[in-house]
Amino acid sequence: MSGPILEVAILQVKAGMNEQFEQSFRQASRIISGMNGYIGHELQKCIEKDNQYVLLVSWETLEDHTIGFRGSQQYDEWKSLLHRYYDPFPTVEHYTRIRL
């Protein structure tokens, strides 16, 4: 599948950990932004659910995320910074733009 690809993850952060999560995410942002095929990302906080966020990451190709990033040493650092905050662990899905 060719790009660009939009990675979408709904993140449920454990109660009382929002501030720590956001600080860790600032550190993690430096990791992902240096990866091959990375285009850009944003983290948005839900208005209705205080502990819910959505992570949107644009990649040049699906493989840049699924093989390149997830198979890298940098991903191990990403996981150590962020994965402890999630409950449940997020489902990550990938989208491609429909030309209208």
PDB file of N, CA and C in Angstrom:
ATOM      1  N   MET A   1       0.854  -1.176   0.000  1.00  0.00           N
ATOM      2  CA  MET A   1       0.000   0.000   0.000  1.00  0.00           C
ATOM      3  C   MET A   1       0.900   1.240   0.000  1.00  0.00           C
ATOM      4  N   SER A   2       0.619   2.145  -0.855  1.00  0.00           N
ATOM      5  CA  SER A   2       1.422   3.364  -0.928  1.00  0.00           C
ATOM      6  C   SER A   2       0.857   4.429   0.001  1.00  0.00           C
ATOM      7  N   GLY A   3       1.635   5.448   0.239  1.00  0.00           N
ATOM      8  CA  GLY A   3       1.272   6.475   1.207  1.00  0.00           C
ATOM      9  C   GLY A   3       0.626   7.674   0.566  1.00  0.00           C
ATOM     10  N   PRO A   4       0.405   8.738   1.271  1.00  0.00           N
ATOM     11  CA  PRO A   4       0.638   8.732   2.709  1.00  0.00           C
ATOM     12  C   PRO A   4      -0.416   7.933   3.468  1.00  0.00           C
ATOM     13  N   ILE A   5      -0.010   7.467   4.637  1.00  0.00           N
ATOM     14  CA  ILE A   5      -0.854   6.644   5.493  1.00  0.00           C
ATOM     15  C   ILE A   5      -1.085   7.403   6.793  1.00  0.00           C
ATOM     16  N   LEU A   6      -2.290   7.346   7.314  1.00  0.00           N
ATOM     17  CA  LEU A   6      -2.599   7.954   8.599  1.00  0.00           C
ATOM     18  C   LEU A   6      -2.767   6.850   9.628  1.00  0.00           C
ATOM     19  N   GLU A   7      -1.908   6.860  10.629  1.00  0.00           N
ATOM     20  CA  GLU A   7      -2.021   5.949  11.770  1.00  0.00           C
ATOM     21  C   GLU A   7      -2.923   6.623  12.790  1.00  0.00           C
ATOM     22  N   VAL A   8      -3.916   5.888  13.301  1.00  0.00           N
ATOM     23  CA  VAL A   8      -4.862   6.428  14.270  1.00  0.00           C
ATOM     24  C   VAL A   8      -4.907   5.504  15.481  1.00  0.00           C
ATOM     25  N   ALA A   9      -4.658   6.077  16.666  1.00  0.00           N
ATOM     26  CA  ALA A   9      -4.729   5.301  17.899  1.00  0.00           C
ATOM     27  C   ALA A   9      -5.530   6.096  18.929  1.00  0.00           C
ATOM     28  N   ILE A  10      -6.541   5.453  19.510  1.00  0.00           N
ATOM     29  CA  ILE A  10      -7.284   6.038  20.617  1.00  0.00           C
ATOM     30  C   ILE A  10      -6.583   5.560  21.885  1.00  0.00           C
ATOM     31  N   LEU A  11      -6.122   6.523  22.681  1.00  0.00           N
ATOM     32  CA  LEU A  11      -5.324   6.212  23.862  1.00  0.00           C
ATOM     33  C   LEU A  11      -6.136   6.471  25.125  1.00  0.00           C
ATOM     34  N   GLN A  12      -6.332   5.437  25.916  1.00  0.00           N
ATOM     35  CA  GLN A  12      -7.003   5.554  27.209  1.00  0.00           C
ATOM     36  C   GLN A  12      -5.912   5.580  28.277  1.00  0.00           C
ATOM     37  N   VAL A  13      -5.709   6.721  28.890  1.00  0.00           N
ATOM     38  CA  VAL A  13      -4.660   6.886  29.894  1.00  0.00           C
ATOM     39  C   VAL A  13      -5.241   6.583  31.279  1.00  0.00           C
ATOM     40  N   LYS A  14      -4.469   5.867  32.077  1.00  0.00           N
ATOM     41  CA  LYS A  14      -4.917   5.516  33.430  1.00  0.00           C
ATOM     42  C   LYS A  14      -5.254   6.772  34.223  1.00  0.00           C
ATOM     43  N   ALA A  15      -6.279   6.666  35.042  1.00  0.00           N
ATOM     44  CA  ALA A  15      -6.761   7.804  35.834  1.00  0.00           C
ATOM     45  C   ALA A  15      -5.625   8.422  36.653  1.00  0.00           C
ATOM     46  N   GLY A  16      -5.594   9.751  36.648  1.00  0.00           N
ATOM     47  CA  GLY A  16      -4.624  10.479  37.431  1.00  0.00           C
ATOM     48  C   GLY A  16      -3.232  10.575  36.820  1.00  0.00           C
ATOM     49  N   MET A  17      -3.066  10.082  35.595  1.00  0.00           N
ATOM     50  CA  MET A  17      -1.739  10.051  34.983  1.00  0.00           C
ATOM     51  C   MET A  17      -1.610  10.960  33.764  1.00  0.00           C
ATOM     52  N   ASN A  18      -2.602  11.823  33.515  1.00  0.00           N
ATOM     53  CA  ASN A  18      -2.578  12.668  32.320  1.00  0.00           C
ATOM     54  C   ASN A  18      -1.333  13.539  32.233  1.00  0.00           C
ATOM     55  N   GLU A  19      -1.010  14.197  33.320  1.00  0.00           N
ATOM     56  CA  GLU A  19       0.118  15.124  33.295  1.00  0.00           C
ATOM     57  C   GLU A  19       1.435  14.393  33.005  1.00  0.00           C
ATOM     58  N   GLN A  20       1.647  13.253  33.671  1.00  0.00           N
ATOM     59  CA  GLN A  20       2.858  12.472  33.431  1.00  0.00           C
ATOM     60  C   GLN A  20       2.895  11.945  32.000  1.00  0.00           C
ATOM     61  N   PHE A  21       1.722  11.481  31.516  1.00  0.00           N
ATOM     62  CA  PHE A  21       1.642  10.987  30.144  1.00  0.00           C
ATOM     63  C   PHE A  21       2.019  12.068  29.150  1.00  0.00           C
ATOM     64  N   GLU A  22       1.453  13.254  29.308  1.00  0.00           N
ATOM     65  CA  GLU A  22       1.740  14.336  28.364  1.00  0.00           C
ATOM     66  C   GLU A  22       3.218  14.720  28.396  1.00  0.00           C
ATOM     67  N   GLN A  23       3.827  14.692  29.552  1.00  0.00           N
ATOM     68  CA  GLN A  23       5.252  14.986  29.646  1.00  0.00           C
ATOM     69  C   GLN A  23       6.073  13.900  28.950  1.00  0.00           C
ATOM     70  N   SER A  24       5.727  12.641  29.179  1.00  0.00           N
ATOM     71  CA  SER A  24       6.424  11.536  28.509  1.00  0.00           C
ATOM     72  C   SER A  24       6.215  11.597  27.004  1.00  0.00           C
ATOM     73  N   PHE A  25       5.015  12.005  26.600  1.00  0.00           N
ATOM     74  CA  PHE A  25       4.739  12.073  25.158  1.00  0.00           C
ATOM     75  C   PHE A  25       5.598  13.147  24.499  1.00  0.00           C
ATOM     76  N   ARG A  26       5.861  14.234  25.188  1.00  0.00           N
ATOM     77  CA  ARG A  26       6.754  15.261  24.628  1.00  0.00           C
ATOM     78  C   ARG A  26       8.131  14.658  24.328  1.00  0.00           C
ATOM     79  N   GLN A  27       8.632  13.833  25.227  1.00  0.00           N
ATOM     80  CA  GLN A  27       9.908  13.155  24.994  1.00  0.00           C
ATOM     81  C   GLN A  27       9.788  12.177  23.821  1.00  0.00           C
ATOM     82  N   ALA A  28       8.715  11.415  23.797  1.00  0.00           N
ATOM     83  CA  ALA A  28       8.513  10.413  22.752  1.00  0.00           C
ATOM     84  C   ALA A  28       8.356  11.061  21.377  1.00  0.00           C
ATOM     85  N   SER A  29       7.836  12.274  21.345  1.00  0.00           N
ATOM     86  CA  SER A  29       7.660  12.970  20.063  1.00  0.00           C
ATOM     87  C   SER A  29       8.988  13.158  19.346  1.00  0.00           C
ATOM     88  N   ARG A  30      10.050  13.381  20.102  1.00  0.00           N
ATOM     89  CA  ARG A  30      11.372  13.537  19.488  1.00  0.00           C
ATOM     90  C   ARG A  30      11.848  12.232  18.857  1.00  0.00           C
ATOM     91  N   ILE A  31      11.431  11.122  19.424  1.00  0.00           N
ATOM     92  CA  ILE A  31      11.829   9.819  18.884  1.00  0.00           C
ATOM     93  C   ILE A  31      11.156   9.585  17.542  1.00  0.00           C
ATOM     94  N   ILE A  32       9.831   9.685  17.517  1.00  0.00           N
ATOM     95  CA  ILE A  32       9.086   9.344  16.306  1.00  0.00           C
ATOM     96  C   ILE A  32       9.378  10.305  15.163  1.00  0.00           C
ATOM     97  N   SER A  33       9.609  11.575  15.504  1.00  0.00           N
ATOM     98  CA  SER A  33       9.805  12.560  14.441  1.00  0.00           C
ATOM     99  C   SER A  33      11.116  12.367  13.684  1.00  0.00           C
ATOM    100  N   GLY A  34      12.009  11.551  14.215  1.00  0.00           N
ATOM    101  CA  GLY A  34      13.259  11.273  13.524  1.00  0.00           C
ATOM    102  C   GLY A  34      13.245  10.006  12.693  1.00  0.00           C
ATOM    103  N   MET A  35      12.119   9.333  12.618  1.00  0.00           N
ATOM    104  CA  MET A  35      12.056   8.045  11.926  1.00  0.00           C
ATOM    105  C   MET A  35      11.908   8.207  10.411  1.00  0.00           C
ATOM    106  N   ASN A  36      12.456   7.241   9.698  1.00  0.00           N
ATOM    107  CA  ASN A  36      12.338   7.208   8.245  1.00  0.00           C
ATOM    108  C   ASN A  36      10.861   7.079   7.857  1.00  0.00           C
ATOM    109  N   GLY A  37      10.411   7.897   6.928  1.00  0.00           N
ATOM    110  CA  GLY A  37       9.031   7.847   6.454  1.00  0.00           C
ATOM    111  C   GLY A  37       8.052   8.658   7.265  1.00  0.00           C
ATOM    112  N   TYR A  38       8.520   9.238   8.369  1.00  0.00           N
ATOM    113  CA  TYR A  38       7.651  10.063   9.209  1.00  0.00           C
ATOM    114  C   TYR A  38       7.342  11.369   8.494  1.00  0.00           C
ATOM    115  N   ILE A  39       6.057  11.757   8.508  1.00  0.00           N
ATOM    116  CA  ILE A  39       5.630  13.027   7.916  1.00  0.00           C
ATOM    117  C   ILE A  39       5.251  14.021   9.013  1.00  0.00           C
ATOM    118  N   GLY A  40       4.461  13.604   9.976  1.00  0.00           N
ATOM    119  CA  GLY A  40       4.029  14.497  11.040  1.00  0.00           C
ATOM    120  C   GLY A  40       3.097  13.769  11.994  1.00  0.00           C
ATOM    121  N   HIS A  41       2.857  14.384  13.158  1.00  0.00           N
ATOM    122  CA  HIS A  41       1.933  13.778  14.118  1.00  0.00           C
ATOM    123  C   HIS A  41       1.283  14.855  14.973  1.00  0.00           C
ATOM    124  N   GLU A  42       0.191  14.458  15.603  1.00  0.00           N
ATOM    125  CA  GLU A  42      -0.475  15.310  16.570  1.00  0.00           C
ATOM    126  C   GLU A  42      -1.157  14.443  17.609  1.00  0.00           C
ATOM    127  N   LEU A  43      -1.225  14.971  18.801  1.00  0.00           N
ATOM    128  CA  LEU A  43      -1.919  14.327  19.909  1.00  0.00           C
ATOM    129  C   LEU A  43      -3.028  15.267  20.336  1.00  0.00           C
ATOM    130  N   GLN A  44      -4.247  14.747  20.400  1.00  0.00           N
ATOM    131  CA  GLN A  44      -5.379  15.572  20.813  1.00  0.00           C
ATOM    132  C   GLN A  44      -6.053  14.934  22.016  1.00  0.00           C
ATOM    133  N   LYS A  45      -6.512  15.787  22.930  1.00  0.00           N
ATOM    134  CA  LYS A  45      -7.167  15.342  24.156  1.00  0.00           C
ATOM    135  C   LYS A  45      -8.678  15.461  23.987  1.00  0.00           C
ATOM    136  N   CYS A  46      -9.365  14.440  24.411  1.00  0.00           N
ATOM    137  CA  CYS A  46     -10.823  14.416  24.308  1.00  0.00           C
ATOM    138  C   CYS A  46     -11.447  15.421  25.284  1.00  0.00           C
ATOM    139  N   ILE A  47     -12.440  16.127  24.840  1.00  0.00           N
ATOM    140  CA  ILE A  47     -13.140  17.095  25.681  1.00  0.00           C
ATOM    141  C   ILE A  47     -14.094  16.373  26.641  1.00  0.00           C
ATOM    142  N   GLU A  48     -14.801  15.359  26.155  1.00  0.00           N
ATOM    143  CA  GLU A  48     -15.805  14.677  26.974  1.00  0.00           C
ATOM    144  C   GLU A  48     -15.211  13.668  27.956  1.00  0.00           C
ATOM    145  N   LYS A  49     -14.091  13.064  27.600  1.00  0.00           N
ATOM    146  CA  LYS A  49     -13.470  12.028  28.442  1.00  0.00           C
ATOM    147  C   LYS A  49     -12.059  12.483  28.792  1.00  0.00           C
ATOM    148  N   ASP A  50     -11.875  12.884  30.035  1.00  0.00           N
ATOM    149  CA  ASP A  50     -10.634  13.519  30.465  1.00  0.00           C
ATOM    150  C   ASP A  50      -9.380  12.663  30.242  1.00  0.00           C
ATOM    151  N   ASN A  51      -9.514  11.353  30.284  1.00  0.00           N
ATOM    152  CA  ASN A  51      -8.330  10.493  30.158  1.00  0.00           C
ATOM    153  C   ASN A  51      -8.168   9.900  28.755  1.00  0.00           C
ATOM    154  N   GLN A  52      -8.874  10.414  27.772  1.00  0.00           N
ATOM    155  CA  GLN A  52      -8.795   9.865  26.409  1.00  0.00           C
ATOM    156  C   GLN A  52      -8.118  10.846  25.468  1.00  0.00           C
ATOM    157  N   TYR A  53      -7.243  10.288  24.628  1.00  0.00           N
ATOM    158  CA  TYR A  53      -6.505  11.053  23.625  1.00  0.00           C
ATOM    159  C   TYR A  53      -6.614  10.329  22.295  1.00  0.00           C
ATOM    160  N   VAL A  54      -6.364  11.054  21.221  1.00  0.00           N
ATOM    161  CA  VAL A  54      -6.217  10.426  19.916  1.00  0.00           C
ATOM    162  C   VAL A  54      -4.847  10.843  19.380  1.00  0.00           C
ATOM    163  N   LEU A  55      -4.120   9.847  18.905  1.00  0.00           N
ATOM    164  CA  LEU A  55      -2.818  10.070  18.292  1.00  0.00           C
ATOM    165  C   LEU A  55      -2.969   9.858  16.794  1.00  0.00           C
ATOM    166  N   LEU A  56      -2.556  10.852  16.017  1.00  0.00           N
ATOM    167  CA  LEU A  56      -2.593  10.792  14.556  1.00  0.00           C
ATOM    168  C   LEU A  56      -1.166  10.953  14.055  1.00  0.00           C
ATOM    169  N   VAL A  57      -0.695   9.974  13.297  1.00  0.00           N
ATOM    170  CA  VAL A  57       0.662  10.036  12.747  1.00  0.00           C
ATOM    171  C   VAL A  57       0.580   9.793  11.248  1.00  0.00           C
ATOM    172  N   SER A  58       1.190  10.663  10.480  1.00  0.00           N
ATOM    173  CA  SER A  58       1.249  10.496   9.025  1.00  0.00           C
ATOM    174  C   SER A  58       2.593   9.873   8.659  1.00  0.00           C
ATOM    175  N   TRP A  59       2.529   8.830   7.844  1.00  0.00           N
ATOM    176  CA  TRP A  59       3.694   8.109   7.362  1.00  0.00           C
ATOM    177  C   TRP A  59       3.679   8.094   5.845  1.00  0.00           C
ATOM    178  N   GLU A  60       4.846   8.017   5.244  1.00  0.00           N
ATOM    179  CA  GLU A  60       4.918   7.906   3.785  1.00  0.00           C
ATOM    180  C   GLU A  60       4.325   6.589   3.308  1.00  0.00           C
ATOM    181  N   THR A  61       4.616   5.486   4.022  1.00  0.00           N
ATOM    182  CA  THR A  61       4.053   4.177   3.659  1.00  0.00           C
ATOM    183  C   THR A  61       3.647   3.434   4.923  1.00  0.00           C
ATOM    184  N   LEU A  62       2.802   2.437   4.779  1.00  0.00           N
ATOM    185  CA  LEU A  62       2.398   1.585   5.892  1.00  0.00           C
ATOM    186  C   LEU A  62       3.622   0.910   6.504  1.00  0.00           C
ATOM    187  N   GLU A  63       4.535   0.447   5.660  1.00  0.00           N
ATOM    188  CA  GLU A  63       5.726  -0.264   6.135  1.00  0.00           C
ATOM    189  C   GLU A  63       6.659   0.634   6.938  1.00  0.00           C
ATOM    190  N   ASP A  64       6.669   1.931   6.651  1.00  0.00           N
ATOM    191  CA  ASP A  64       7.481   2.837   7.457  1.00  0.00           C
ATOM    192  C   ASP A  64       7.075   2.762   8.926  1.00  0.00           C
ATOM    193  N   HIS A  65       5.791   2.556   9.174  1.00  0.00           N
ATOM    194  CA  HIS A  65       5.322   2.422  10.549  1.00  0.00           C
ATOM    195  C   HIS A  65       5.449   0.989  11.048  1.00  0.00           C
ATOM    196  N   THR A  66       4.836   0.044  10.326  1.00  0.00           N
ATOM    197  CA  THR A  66       4.707  -1.314  10.834  1.00  0.00           C
ATOM    198  C   THR A  66       6.018  -2.089  10.869  1.00  0.00           C
ATOM    199  N   ILE A  67       6.914  -1.812   9.948  1.00  0.00           N
ATOM    200  CA  ILE A  67       8.194  -2.522   9.901  1.00  0.00           C
ATOM    201  C   ILE A  67       9.329  -1.619  10.382  1.00  0.00           C
ATOM    202  N   GLY A  68       9.438  -0.431   9.776  1.00  0.00           N
ATOM    203  CA  GLY A  68      10.535   0.461  10.092  1.00  0.00           C
ATOM    204  C   GLY A  68      10.522   0.937  11.537  1.00  0.00           C
ATOM    205  N   PHE A  69       9.436   1.556  11.966  1.00  0.00           N
ATOM    206  CA  PHE A  69       9.372   2.085  13.325  1.00  0.00           C
ATOM    207  C   PHE A  69       9.216   0.976  14.351  1.00  0.00           C
ATOM    208  N   ARG A  70       8.218   0.123  14.166  1.00  0.00           N
ATOM    209  CA  ARG A  70       7.967  -0.910  15.177  1.00  0.00           C
ATOM    210  C   ARG A  70       9.103  -1.921  15.295  1.00  0.00           C
ATOM    211  N   GLY A  71       9.916  -2.047  14.273  1.00  0.00           N
ATOM    212  CA  GLY A  71      11.039  -2.968  14.324  1.00  0.00           C
ATOM    213  C   GLY A  71      12.346  -2.326  14.767  1.00  0.00           C
ATOM    214  N   SER A  72      12.288  -1.088  15.206  1.00  0.00           N
ATOM    215  CA  SER A  72      13.507  -0.335  15.509  1.00  0.00           C
ATOM    216  C   SER A  72      13.815  -0.304  17.006  1.00  0.00           C
ATOM    217  N   GLN A  73      15.061   0.030  17.318  1.00  0.00           N
ATOM    218  CA  GLN A  73      15.455   0.255  18.711  1.00  0.00           C
ATOM    219  C   GLN A  73      14.728   1.473  19.276  1.00  0.00           C
ATOM    220  N   GLN A  74      14.446   2.455  18.424  1.00  0.00           N
ATOM    221  CA  GLN A  74      13.724   3.646  18.872  1.00  0.00           C
ATOM    222  C   GLN A  74      12.324   3.297  19.381  1.00  0.00           C
ATOM    223  N   TYR A  75      11.714   2.263  18.774  1.00  0.00           N
ATOM    224  CA  TYR A  75      10.391   1.846  19.234  1.00  0.00           C
ATOM    225  C   TYR A  75      10.462   1.292  20.653  1.00  0.00           C
ATOM    226  N   ASP A  76      11.556   0.604  20.988  1.00  0.00           N
ATOM    227  CA  ASP A  76      11.720   0.107  22.351  1.00  0.00           C
ATOM    228  C   ASP A  76      11.733   1.267  23.343  1.00  0.00           C
ATOM    229  N   GLU A  77      12.396   2.362  22.977  1.00  0.00           N
ATOM    230  CA  GLU A  77      12.422   3.549  23.831  1.00  0.00           C
ATOM    231  C   GLU A  77      11.027   4.173  23.928  1.00  0.00           C
ATOM    232  N   TRP A  78      10.330   4.255  22.784  1.00  0.00           N
ATOM    233  CA  TRP A  78       8.951   4.760  22.726  1.00  0.00           C
ATOM    234  C   TRP A  78       8.069   3.963  23.688  1.00  0.00           C
ATOM    235  N   LYS A  79       8.153   2.638  23.597  1.00  0.00           N
ATOM    236  CA  LYS A  79       7.352   1.771  24.458  1.00  0.00           C
ATOM    237  C   LYS A  79       7.660   2.015  25.929  1.00  0.00           C
ATOM    238  N   SER A  80       8.941   2.131  26.283  1.00  0.00           N
ATOM    239  CA  SER A  80       9.303   2.317  27.684  1.00  0.00           C
ATOM    240  C   SER A  80       8.791   3.656  28.217  1.00  0.00           C
ATOM    241  N   LEU A  81       8.667   4.656  27.360  1.00  0.00           N
ATOM    242  CA  LEU A  81       8.152   5.957  27.778  1.00  0.00           C
ATOM    243  C   LEU A  81       6.628   5.962  27.924  1.00  0.00           C
ATOM    244  N   LEU A  82       5.916   5.249  27.043  1.00  0.00           N
ATOM    245  CA  LEU A  82       4.469   5.454  26.936  1.00  0.00           C
ATOM    246  C   LEU A  82       3.572   4.285  27.308  1.00  0.00           C
ATOM    247  N   HIS A  83       3.977   3.075  27.059  1.00  0.00           N
ATOM    248  CA  HIS A  83       3.035   1.961  27.162  1.00  0.00           C
ATOM    249  C   HIS A  83       2.510   1.729  28.575  1.00  0.00           C
ATOM    250  N   ARG A  84       3.210   2.167  29.596  1.00  0.00           N
ATOM    251  CA  ARG A  84       2.748   1.958  30.977  1.00  0.00           C
ATOM    252  C   ARG A  84       1.508   2.789  31.321  1.00  0.00           C
ATOM    253  N   TYR A  85       1.198   3.791  30.502  1.00  0.00           N
ATOM    254  CA  TYR A  85       0.070   4.679  30.796  1.00  0.00           C
ATOM    255  C   TYR A  85      -1.269   4.146  30.297  1.00  0.00           C
ATOM    256  N   TYR A  86      -1.280   3.157  29.413  1.00  0.00           N
ATOM    257  CA  TYR A  86      -2.512   2.765  28.727  1.00  0.00           C
ATOM    258  C   TYR A  86      -3.258   1.645  29.437  1.00  0.00           C
ATOM    259  N   ASP A  87      -4.572   1.822  29.533  1.00  0.00           N
ATOM    260  CA  ASP A  87      -5.444   0.763  30.013  1.00  0.00           C
ATOM    261  C   ASP A  87      -6.847   1.025  29.469  1.00  0.00           C
ATOM    262  N   PRO A  88      -7.297   0.221  28.522  1.00  0.00           N
ATOM    263  CA  PRO A  88      -6.608  -0.918  27.910  1.00  0.00           C
ATOM    264  C   PRO A  88      -5.559  -0.464  26.896  1.00  0.00           C
ATOM    265  N   PHE A  89      -4.786  -1.427  26.409  1.00  0.00           N
ATOM    266  CA  PHE A  89      -3.790  -1.110  25.395  1.00  0.00           C
ATOM    267  C   PHE A  89      -4.525  -0.702  24.112  1.00  0.00           C
ATOM    268  N   PRO A  90      -4.058   0.365  23.455  1.00  0.00           N
ATOM    269  CA  PRO A  90      -4.795   0.898  22.303  1.00  0.00           C
ATOM    270  C   PRO A  90      -4.742   0.003  21.067  1.00  0.00           C
ATOM    271  N   THR A  91      -5.803   0.074  20.313  1.00  0.00           N
ATOM    272  CA  THR A  91      -5.824  -0.508  18.974  1.00  0.00           C
ATOM    273  C   THR A  91      -5.334   0.560  18.018  1.00  0.00           C
ATOM    274  N   VAL A  92      -4.430   0.171  17.124  1.00  0.00           N
ATOM    275  CA  VAL A  92      -3.882   1.102  16.140  1.00  0.00           C
ATOM    276  C   VAL A  92      -4.383   0.678  14.769  1.00  0.00           C
ATOM    277  N   GLU A  93      -4.946   1.623  14.035  1.00  0.00           N
ATOM    278  CA  GLU A  93      -5.447   1.345  12.688  1.00  0.00           C
ATOM    279  C   GLU A  93      -4.823   2.335  11.722  1.00  0.00           C
ATOM    280  N   HIS A  94      -4.816   1.952  10.453  1.00  0.00           N
ATOM    281  CA  HIS A  94      -4.194   2.778   9.409  1.00  0.00           C
ATOM    282  C   HIS A  94      -5.231   3.121   8.347  1.00  0.00           C
ATOM    283  N   TYR A  95      -5.157   4.371   7.878  1.00  0.00           N
ATOM    284  CA  TYR A  95      -6.121   4.870   6.907  1.00  0.00           C
ATOM    285  C   TYR A  95      -5.383   5.469   5.725  1.00  0.00           C
ATOM    286  N   THR A  96      -6.056   5.426   4.595  1.00  0.00           N
ATOM    287  CA  THR A  96      -5.549   6.062   3.399  1.00  0.00           C
ATOM    288  C   THR A  96      -6.595   7.025   2.871  1.00  0.00           C
ATOM    289  N   ARG A  97      -6.146   8.092   2.288  1.00  0.00           N
ATOM    290  CA  ARG A  97      -7.062   9.131   1.804  1.00  0.00           C
ATOM    291  C   ARG A  97      -7.846   8.639   0.584  1.00  0.00           C
ATOM    292  N   ILE A  98      -9.101   8.990   0.571  1.00  0.00           N
ATOM    293  CA  ILE A  98      -9.968   8.727  -0.587  1.00  0.00           C
ATOM    294  C   ILE A  98      -9.997  10.005  -1.414  1.00  0.00           C
ATOM    295  N   ARG A  99      -9.664   9.887  -2.665  1.00  0.00           N
ATOM    296  CA  ARG A  99      -9.694  11.052  -3.568  1.00  0.00           C
ATOM    297  C   ARG A  99     -11.139  11.296  -3.995  1.00  0.00           C
ATOM    298  N   LEU A 100     -11.663  12.474  -3.708  1.00  0.00           N
ATOM    299  CA  LEU A 100     -13.051  12.800  -4.053  1.00  0.00           C
ATOM    300  C   LEU A 100     -13.094  13.807  -5.194  1.00  0.00           C
TER     301      LEU A 100
END
